[in-house]
Amino acid sequence: MTSAAPHGEAAACQAALEAAIAGGTLPALESVSAALLDEALRALVKQHAAAALPLLERLADGAADKEQRRAARRALYRLAQSGVRPPRAGAVTPVRPVVTREAEHAVRAWLSGIDGSGSRAAWILFEGGLGGGLRLCSLILNDEAGIMDAAGGPIARKRLEAELRGLRASQKLPWVEVDGRRACALVAAALALHERLGTVPPPEFARWRRLFAAGPLLGEVQQLPGEAQPKASRADTREKLPVASTPAEADPTLLDRSTSLLDLPELMGWFVDPARVQHEALALLQTRESRLVVSEQIKAAREASIIDGVIEAQLSPPARQRWANRLREMADIFALTGRDEPAALARATAEALADLERPATALPFARALAGRGLEMATEVALGRARLDDVSRAPARRARS
């Protein structure tokens, strides 16, 4: 009987406290000891947490028994230690502003020229997201392998302008500002290439990928690089790359001068990969160094035959299309930087390369690509150059 009574009192006390939370009145606790109330309040706080706060305050201020008021204040203290505190007198509960997260979108972008491996750099500036601000995504894109490198992060406007000035002053390849949708379309094309090849971009690209996965970023630019589209206006004072160039007729007089493109600083690195023509390079060296007494005409015919073989092996229809796309892109860059003659040469040569009805062996530009690649391969064979230094295979480049 002695143990049942306290248990019954505790249950009654707990029930009274529960009813007081719901009803908002002080419970009848005159016969409850301070120790029993303390235990009941511990259980109440553990079960109801912040919901018990109004009742505890009423007990701390209005309980008839002094010890009961102390028990209520101890419960308030324990509740405060858990992070739940009553508001200060006269305090106004702050209204938290509703923060909306604007979708990040590309606001500016820059592209470099294309090197001999088919790689180019792209800087894409995004604005929006949580807290707004700017983020710069720096990529290396390759037309045979996709995304080769990725870097970047938050950037201030002043730093961005300083970086752009330094970039234009230090880089060998030209840089032009382009529409953000254009740059995003190039990234989308690179991701599609990864999908076809069964490869994945580098891990550093993972944090940027969601920005290129959504359709709105690509906007109206749906074609792959190099596909014909209406030429954009050049009235903008900034350098804006057209979505793509209008196809140009392959003027025979321009094709005859197309080899001069490879003398331009931007295209000095354009040639077929020496690693793929090492056997032909050895045959070329043997022809040149042969001790047999043959006429120069026969030697020239033999060299021409070797070049024909390289063109047929290395400039397959897909390879011709890649080189044509590279030329179209460079034609746009030449035009935007005020170099109309190289732009015209590049466009005409691109159309000729893309026309599979034309034998590649009859195109001066194709012969020059093959000839320069052979020369580089002979330099490697003679030990005057390292294959790694002249390779045109796609590789991760140093970040700009």
Protein backbone atom coordinates (compact mmCIF):
# COMPACT_ATOMS: atom_id res chain seq x y z
CA MET A 1 0.00 0.00 0.00
CA THR A 2 2.87 2.33 0.79
CA SER A 3 4.32 2.02 -2.73
CA ALA A 4 1.00 2.24 -4.54
CA ALA A 5 0.09 5.60 -3.07
CA PRO A 6 3.08 7.56 -4.43
CA HIS A 7 2.60 5.94 -7.83
CA GLY A 8 -1.03 6.99 -7.89
CA GLU A 9 -0.11 10.54 -6.84
CA ALA A 10 2.50 10.74 -9.61
CA ALA A 11 -0.01 9.57 -12.22
CA ALA A 12 -2.57 12.07 -10.98
CA CYS A 13 0.01 14.86 -11.04
CA GLN A 14 1.07 13.95 -14.58
CA ALA A 15 -2.55 13.87 -15.74
CA ALA A 16 -3.20 17.28 -14.18
CA LEU A 17 -0.17 18.77 -15.94
CA GLU A 18 -1.21 17.28 -19.29
CA ALA A 19 -4.71 18.72 -18.88
CA ALA A 20 -3.25 22.13 -17.96
CA ILE A 21 -1.13 22.20 -21.17
CA ALA A 22 -4.25 21.61 -23.24
CA GLY A 23 -6.56 23.84 -21.20
CA GLY A 24 -4.28 26.75 -20.43
CA THR A 25 -5.15 26.90 -16.69
CA LEU A 26 -3.13 26.23 -13.54
CA PRO A 27 -3.56 22.67 -12.30
CA ALA A 28 -4.64 21.86 -8.76
CA LEU A 29 -1.33 20.83 -7.16
CA GLU A 30 -1.86 21.81 -3.50
CA SER A 31 -1.27 18.28 -2.20
CA VAL A 32 1.65 17.48 -4.51
CA SER A 33 5.10 17.55 -2.96
CA ALA A 34 7.88 19.56 -4.55
CA ALA A 35 9.93 16.38 -5.25
CA LEU A 36 7.02 14.68 -6.97
CA LEU A 37 6.28 17.80 -9.02
CA ASP A 38 9.94 18.05 -10.01
CA GLU A 39 9.90 14.52 -11.42
CA ALA A 40 6.60 15.13 -13.19
CA LEU A 41 7.90 18.34 -14.77
CA ARG A 42 11.04 16.52 -15.98
CA ALA A 43 8.83 14.01 -17.79
CA LEU A 44 6.63 16.80 -19.12
CA VAL A 45 9.58 18.72 -20.60
CA LYS A 46 11.05 15.56 -22.10
CA GLN A 47 7.77 14.74 -23.81
CA HIS A 48 6.51 18.17 -24.88
CA ALA A 49 9.65 20.37 -25.05
CA ALA A 50 8.70 23.88 -26.21
CA ALA A 51 4.96 23.13 -25.91
CA ALA A 52 5.39 22.95 -22.11
CA LEU A 53 6.88 26.46 -21.93
CA PRO A 54 3.63 28.45 -21.31
CA LEU A 55 2.56 26.12 -18.48
CA LEU A 56 5.98 26.25 -16.80
CA GLU A 57 5.89 30.04 -16.88
CA ARG A 58 2.44 30.09 -15.27
CA LEU A 59 3.59 27.70 -12.54
CA ALA A 60 6.81 29.66 -11.93
CA ASP A 61 4.79 32.85 -11.43
CA GLY A 62 1.49 31.67 -9.94
CA ALA A 63 1.91 28.40 -8.06
CA ALA A 64 0.64 28.69 -4.47
CA ASP A 65 3.58 26.79 -2.96
CA LYS A 66 7.08 28.30 -2.96
CA GLU A 67 8.75 24.92 -3.54
CA GLN A 68 6.46 24.27 -6.48
CA ARG A 69 7.47 27.59 -8.03
CA ARG A 70 11.13 26.58 -7.61
CA ALA A 71 10.44 23.24 -9.31
CA ALA A 72 8.85 25.08 -12.23
CA ARG A 73 11.85 27.45 -12.51
CA ARG A 74 14.22 24.45 -12.53
CA ALA A 75 12.20 22.96 -15.38
CA LEU A 76 12.41 26.26 -17.24
CA TYR A 77 16.18 26.24 -16.76
CA ARG A 78 16.49 22.71 -18.11
CA LEU A 79 14.35 23.70 -21.09
CA ALA A 80 16.55 26.75 -21.72
CA GLN A 81 19.65 24.55 -21.64
CA SER A 82 18.14 22.55 -24.49
CA GLY A 83 17.75 25.76 -26.51
CA VAL A 84 14.14 26.67 -25.73
CA ARG A 85 13.86 30.05 -24.00
CA PRO A 86 10.88 32.31 -23.31
CA PRO A 87 10.90 35.61 -25.26
CA ARG A 88 12.20 38.66 -23.44
CA ALA A 89 9.60 41.09 -22.15
CA GLY A 90 8.70 43.57 -24.86
CA ALA A 91 10.66 41.65 -27.48
CA VAL A 92 9.18 41.44 -30.95
CA THR A 93 9.52 38.14 -32.70
CA PRO A 94 11.53 38.88 -35.84
CA VAL A 95 9.94 38.12 -39.15
CA ARG A 96 12.37 36.21 -41.31
CA PRO A 97 12.42 37.37 -44.90
CA VAL A 98 11.46 34.82 -47.49
CA VAL A 99 14.63 34.08 -49.45
CA THR A 100 13.97 32.91 -52.97
CA ARG A 101 16.73 31.16 -54.84
CA GLU A 102 17.00 32.45 -58.36
CA ALA A 103 18.11 29.84 -60.87
CA GLU A 104 21.72 30.30 -61.95
CA HIS A 105 22.11 31.27 -65.58
CA ALA A 106 24.98 32.07 -67.91
CA VAL A 107 25.36 35.83 -68.28
CA ARG A 108 28.68 36.05 -70.17
CA ALA A 109 31.10 33.64 -71.80
CA TRP A 110 34.44 33.58 -73.58
CA LEU A 111 35.99 31.06 -75.97
CA SER A 112 39.56 30.61 -77.11
CA GLY A 113 40.73 29.54 -80.52
CA ILE A 114 41.20 25.84 -81.22
CA ASP A 115 44.59 24.16 -81.00
CA GLY A 116 45.89 21.33 -83.15
CA SER A 117 44.43 18.65 -80.92
CA GLY A 118 40.91 20.08 -81.22
CA SER A 119 40.94 21.59 -77.73
CA ARG A 120 39.76 25.04 -76.71
CA ALA A 121 39.20 26.84 -73.43
CA ALA A 122 35.81 28.16 -72.35
CA TRP A 123 34.98 30.54 -69.53
CA ILE A 124 31.30 30.74 -68.60
CA LEU A 125 30.09 33.25 -66.03
CA PHE A 126 26.97 32.31 -64.06
CA GLU A 127 24.82 34.60 -61.94
CA GLY A 128 22.07 33.75 -59.45
CA GLY A 129 21.69 30.87 -57.06
CA LEU A 130 21.46 31.19 -53.27
CA GLY A 131 22.66 34.64 -52.29
CA GLY A 132 23.21 35.72 -55.88
CA GLY A 133 26.77 36.56 -56.86
CA LEU A 134 28.94 35.40 -59.73
CA ARG A 135 30.61 32.06 -60.39
CA LEU A 136 33.12 31.44 -63.16
CA CYS A 137 33.31 27.99 -64.74
CA SER A 138 36.58 27.32 -66.59
CA LEU A 139 36.60 24.36 -68.99
CA ILE A 140 38.79 22.68 -71.59
CA LEU A 141 36.65 21.21 -74.38
CA ASN A 142 37.93 18.77 -76.99
CA ASP A 143 36.06 17.73 -80.12
CA GLU A 144 37.33 14.14 -79.92
CA ALA A 145 37.18 13.47 -76.18
CA GLY A 146 34.68 15.92 -74.64
CA ILE A 147 35.40 17.81 -71.41
CA MET A 148 39.09 17.51 -70.51
CA ASP A 149 39.34 19.80 -67.49
CA ALA A 150 37.12 21.88 -65.21
CA ALA A 151 37.82 24.50 -62.57
CA GLY A 152 36.44 27.75 -61.20
CA GLY A 153 34.32 29.11 -58.39
CA PRO A 154 32.97 32.39 -56.97
CA ILE A 155 34.55 35.51 -58.43
CA ALA A 156 34.20 39.27 -57.91
CA ARG A 157 33.63 41.55 -60.89
CA LYS A 158 36.89 43.43 -60.41
CA ARG A 159 38.87 40.22 -60.24
CA LEU A 160 37.08 38.91 -63.33
CA GLU A 161 38.08 41.94 -65.38
CA ALA A 162 41.68 41.64 -64.16
CA GLU A 163 41.74 37.94 -65.06
CA LEU A 164 40.41 38.69 -68.53
CA ARG A 165 43.07 41.34 -69.15
CA GLY A 166 45.79 38.94 -68.06
CA LEU A 167 44.32 36.14 -70.14
CA ARG A 168 44.29 38.13 -73.36
CA ALA A 169 47.83 39.33 -72.76
CA SER A 170 49.33 35.91 -72.02
CA GLN A 171 47.53 33.43 -74.25
CA LYS A 172 48.79 32.49 -77.72
CA LEU A 173 45.33 31.66 -79.00
CA PRO A 174 42.80 34.49 -79.50
CA TRP A 175 39.89 34.90 -77.09
CA VAL A 176 36.48 36.32 -77.97
CA GLU A 177 33.37 37.00 -75.95
CA VAL A 178 30.36 34.94 -76.98
CA ASP A 179 26.72 34.57 -76.10
CA GLY A 180 26.32 32.47 -72.97
CA ARG A 181 23.88 30.17 -74.76
CA ARG A 182 26.50 29.47 -77.41
CA ALA A 183 29.07 28.38 -74.84
CA CYS A 184 26.51 26.25 -73.01
CA ALA A 185 25.60 24.56 -76.29
CA LEU A 186 29.26 23.63 -76.80
CA VAL A 187 29.32 22.07 -73.33
CA ALA A 188 26.10 20.19 -74.10
CA ALA A 189 27.72 18.86 -77.29
CA ALA A 190 30.75 17.73 -75.26
CA LEU A 191 28.47 15.92 -72.79
CA ALA A 192 26.68 14.22 -75.70
CA LEU A 193 30.08 13.12 -77.01
CA HIS A 194 30.89 11.57 -73.62
CA GLU A 195 27.59 9.70 -73.82
CA ARG A 196 28.41 8.31 -77.27
CA LEU A 197 31.94 7.33 -76.26
CA GLY A 198 30.87 5.78 -72.97
CA THR A 199 33.21 8.06 -71.01
CA VAL A 200 32.68 10.57 -68.20
CA PRO A 201 33.93 14.13 -67.65
CA PRO A 202 36.63 14.71 -65.02
CA PRO A 203 35.44 14.67 -61.37
CA GLU A 204 35.93 18.45 -61.07
CA PHE A 205 33.03 18.96 -63.50
CA ALA A 206 30.50 17.27 -61.19
CA ARG A 207 29.65 20.46 -59.27
CA TRP A 208 28.94 22.32 -62.55
CA ARG A 209 27.02 19.63 -64.39
CA ARG A 210 23.56 20.56 -63.13
CA LEU A 211 23.95 24.00 -64.73
CA PHE A 212 24.30 22.43 -68.16
CA ALA A 213 21.69 19.70 -67.74
CA ALA A 214 18.65 21.99 -67.95
CA GLY A 215 17.22 23.00 -71.30
CA PRO A 216 16.78 26.76 -70.55
CA LEU A 217 20.53 27.23 -70.38
CA LEU A 218 20.87 26.05 -73.94
CA GLY A 219 18.15 28.46 -74.97
CA GLU A 220 17.64 28.69 -78.68
CA VAL A 221 20.97 27.11 -79.60
CA GLN A 222 20.14 23.54 -80.51
CA GLN A 223 22.61 22.76 -83.30
CA LEU A 224 25.95 21.12 -82.74
CA PRO A 225 29.11 23.16 -83.38
CA GLY A 226 29.74 23.70 -87.05
CA GLU A 227 26.18 23.21 -88.28
CA ALA A 228 24.85 25.92 -90.54
CA GLN A 229 22.67 28.59 -88.95
CA PRO A 230 21.73 32.14 -89.89
CA LYS A 231 24.60 34.53 -89.33
CA ALA A 232 24.09 36.83 -86.36
CA SER A 233 24.42 40.59 -86.54
CA ARG A 234 27.80 42.08 -85.73
CA ALA A 235 26.37 45.43 -84.69
CA ASP A 236 27.24 44.80 -81.05
CA THR A 237 30.31 46.77 -80.00
CA ARG A 238 31.55 43.82 -77.96
CA GLU A 239 33.04 40.78 -79.66
CA LYS A 240 30.05 38.47 -80.01
CA LEU A 241 30.48 35.14 -81.78
CA PRO A 242 27.67 34.30 -84.22
CA VAL A 243 25.78 31.14 -83.45
CA ALA A 244 27.44 29.74 -86.59
CA SER A 245 28.52 30.99 -89.98
CA THR A 246 26.56 30.88 -93.20
CA PRO A 247 28.09 28.20 -95.46
CA ALA A 248 30.44 29.64 -98.05
CA GLU A 249 31.09 28.28 -101.53
CA ALA A 250 34.47 26.58 -101.91
CA ASP A 251 36.06 29.16 -104.18
CA PRO A 252 38.91 27.45 -106.12
CA THR A 253 41.12 30.52 -105.81
CA LEU A 254 40.69 30.49 -102.05
CA LEU A 255 41.41 26.76 -101.87
CA ASP A 256 44.67 27.28 -103.72
CA ARG A 257 45.75 29.67 -100.96
CA SER A 258 44.34 27.60 -98.11
CA THR A 259 47.76 26.29 -97.06
CA SER A 260 48.67 29.81 -95.95
CA LEU A 261 46.28 29.32 -93.03
CA LEU A 262 48.80 26.95 -91.46
CA ASP A 263 51.37 29.75 -91.40
CA LEU A 264 49.20 31.82 -89.07
CA PRO A 265 50.39 31.82 -85.42
CA GLU A 266 47.03 30.43 -84.26
CA LEU A 267 47.25 27.43 -86.62
CA MET A 268 50.94 26.59 -86.42
CA GLY A 269 50.06 23.57 -84.30
CA TRP A 270 47.57 22.15 -86.78
CA PHE A 271 48.74 18.88 -88.37
CA VAL A 272 47.90 15.20 -88.28
CA ASP A 273 49.11 13.40 -85.18
CA PRO A 274 52.78 12.35 -85.69
CA ALA A 275 52.21 9.31 -83.49
CA ARG A 276 49.85 7.93 -86.13
CA VAL A 277 52.22 8.32 -89.08
CA GLN A 278 55.52 7.04 -87.71
CA HIS A 279 55.70 4.18 -90.20
CA GLU A 280 55.07 6.55 -93.11
CA ALA A 281 57.67 8.97 -91.72
CA LEU A 282 60.32 6.24 -91.80
CA ALA A 283 59.37 5.47 -95.40
CA LEU A 284 59.72 9.16 -96.22
CA LEU A 285 63.17 9.28 -94.64
CA GLN A 286 64.25 6.20 -96.58
CA THR A 287 63.08 7.80 -99.81
CA ARG A 288 65.03 10.99 -99.12
CA GLU A 289 68.19 9.24 -97.96
CA SER A 290 68.20 6.42 -100.51
CA ARG A 291 71.58 5.89 -102.23
CA LEU A 292 69.88 4.69 -105.37
CA VAL A 293 70.36 7.07 -108.24
CA VAL A 294 66.86 8.20 -109.09
CA SER A 295 65.55 11.43 -110.48
CA GLU A 296 64.08 14.17 -108.32
CA GLN A 297 60.84 13.61 -110.17
CA ILE A 298 60.68 9.99 -108.98
CA LYS A 299 61.48 11.04 -105.39
CA ALA A 300 58.77 13.69 -105.52
CA ALA A 301 56.28 11.14 -106.83
CA ARG A 302 57.21 8.75 -104.04
CA GLU A 303 56.76 11.46 -101.40
CA ALA A 304 53.40 12.43 -102.93
CA SER A 305 52.32 8.80 -102.76
CA ILE A 306 53.25 8.61 -99.07
CA ILE A 307 51.25 11.78 -98.37
CA ASP A 308 48.28 10.35 -100.28
CA GLY A 309 48.38 7.30 -98.03
CA VAL A 310 48.48 9.44 -94.90
CA ILE A 311 45.52 11.51 -96.08
CA GLU A 312 43.44 8.45 -96.88
CA ALA A 313 44.26 6.86 -93.52
CA GLN A 314 44.04 9.90 -91.27
CA LEU A 315 41.36 12.04 -92.94
CA SER A 316 38.39 9.70 -92.84
CA PRO A 317 34.92 11.29 -93.25
CA PRO A 318 34.50 11.85 -89.47
CA ALA A 319 38.00 13.36 -89.27
CA ARG A 320 37.26 15.61 -92.23
CA GLN A 321 34.13 16.85 -90.47
CA ARG A 322 36.10 17.60 -87.30
CA TRP A 323 38.68 19.62 -89.21
CA ALA A 324 35.89 21.41 -91.08
CA ASN A 325 34.19 22.31 -87.79
CA ARG A 326 37.49 23.61 -86.39
CA LEU A 327 37.95 25.79 -89.46
CA ARG A 328 34.40 27.17 -89.17
CA GLU A 329 34.96 28.08 -85.55
CA MET A 330 38.28 29.76 -86.36
CA ALA A 331 36.67 31.59 -89.29
CA ASP A 332 34.21 33.19 -86.86
CA ILE A 333 37.04 34.16 -84.53
CA PHE A 334 39.09 35.63 -87.40
CA ALA A 335 36.07 37.66 -88.54
CA LEU A 336 35.40 39.00 -85.05
CA THR A 337 39.00 40.07 -84.65
CA GLY A 338 38.94 41.99 -87.94
CA ARG A 339 40.79 39.45 -90.11
CA ASP A 340 38.48 39.00 -93.04
CA GLU A 341 40.91 37.32 -95.44
CA PRO A 342 41.83 34.41 -93.11
CA ALA A 343 38.13 34.15 -92.26
CA ALA A 344 37.21 33.73 -95.94
CA LEU A 345 40.01 31.20 -96.48
CA ALA A 346 38.94 29.19 -93.45
CA ARG A 347 35.27 29.11 -94.46
CA ALA A 348 36.00 28.04 -98.04
CA THR A 349 38.39 25.33 -96.85
CA ALA A 350 35.88 24.09 -94.30
CA GLU A 351 33.21 23.68 -96.97
CA ALA A 352 35.61 21.80 -99.22
CA LEU A 353 36.64 19.43 -96.42
CA ALA A 354 33.01 18.79 -95.50
CA ASP A 355 32.14 17.97 -99.11
CA LEU A 356 32.87 14.24 -99.22
CA GLU A 357 32.41 14.26 -103.00
CA ARG A 358 35.78 16.00 -103.22
CA PRO A 359 38.80 13.68 -102.80
CA ALA A 360 40.75 14.84 -99.77
CA THR A 361 43.99 14.13 -101.63
CA ALA A 362 43.07 16.92 -104.05
CA LEU A 363 42.73 19.55 -101.31
CA PRO A 364 45.89 21.62 -100.72
CA PHE A 365 44.97 22.16 -97.07
CA ALA A 366 44.62 18.42 -96.45
CA ARG A 367 47.98 17.77 -98.10
CA ALA A 368 49.56 20.44 -95.92
CA LEU A 369 48.08 18.89 -92.74
CA ALA A 370 49.46 15.50 -93.69
CA GLY A 371 52.82 16.87 -94.85
CA ARG A 372 53.43 18.81 -91.66
CA GLY A 373 52.48 15.81 -89.53
CA LEU A 374 54.96 13.68 -91.48
CA GLU A 375 57.70 16.27 -91.00
CA MET A 376 57.10 16.28 -87.27
CA ALA A 377 57.21 12.49 -87.22
CA THR A 378 60.55 12.50 -89.08
CA GLU A 379 61.94 14.93 -86.49
CA VAL A 380 60.95 12.42 -83.80
CA ALA A 381 62.52 9.55 -85.76
CA LEU A 382 65.77 11.52 -86.07
CA GLY A 383 65.79 12.25 -82.33
CA ARG A 384 65.40 16.00 -82.80
CA ALA A 385 61.97 16.14 -81.12
CA ARG A 386 60.09 14.26 -78.44
CA LEU A 387 56.88 12.55 -79.47
CA ASP A 388 55.09 13.82 -76.35
CA ASP A 389 55.96 17.39 -77.34
CA VAL A 390 54.45 17.17 -80.82
CA SER A 391 51.57 14.77 -80.18
CA ARG A 392 48.14 15.98 -81.28
CA ALA A 393 46.29 13.46 -79.12
CA PRO A 394 43.75 15.04 -76.75
CA ALA A 395 45.21 15.52 -73.30
CA ARG A 396 44.38 17.44 -70.14
CA ARG A 397 45.79 20.92 -70.48
CA ALA A 398 47.07 23.27 -67.82
CA ARG A 399 44.28 25.47 -66.52
CA SER A 400 44.19 28.97 -67.89
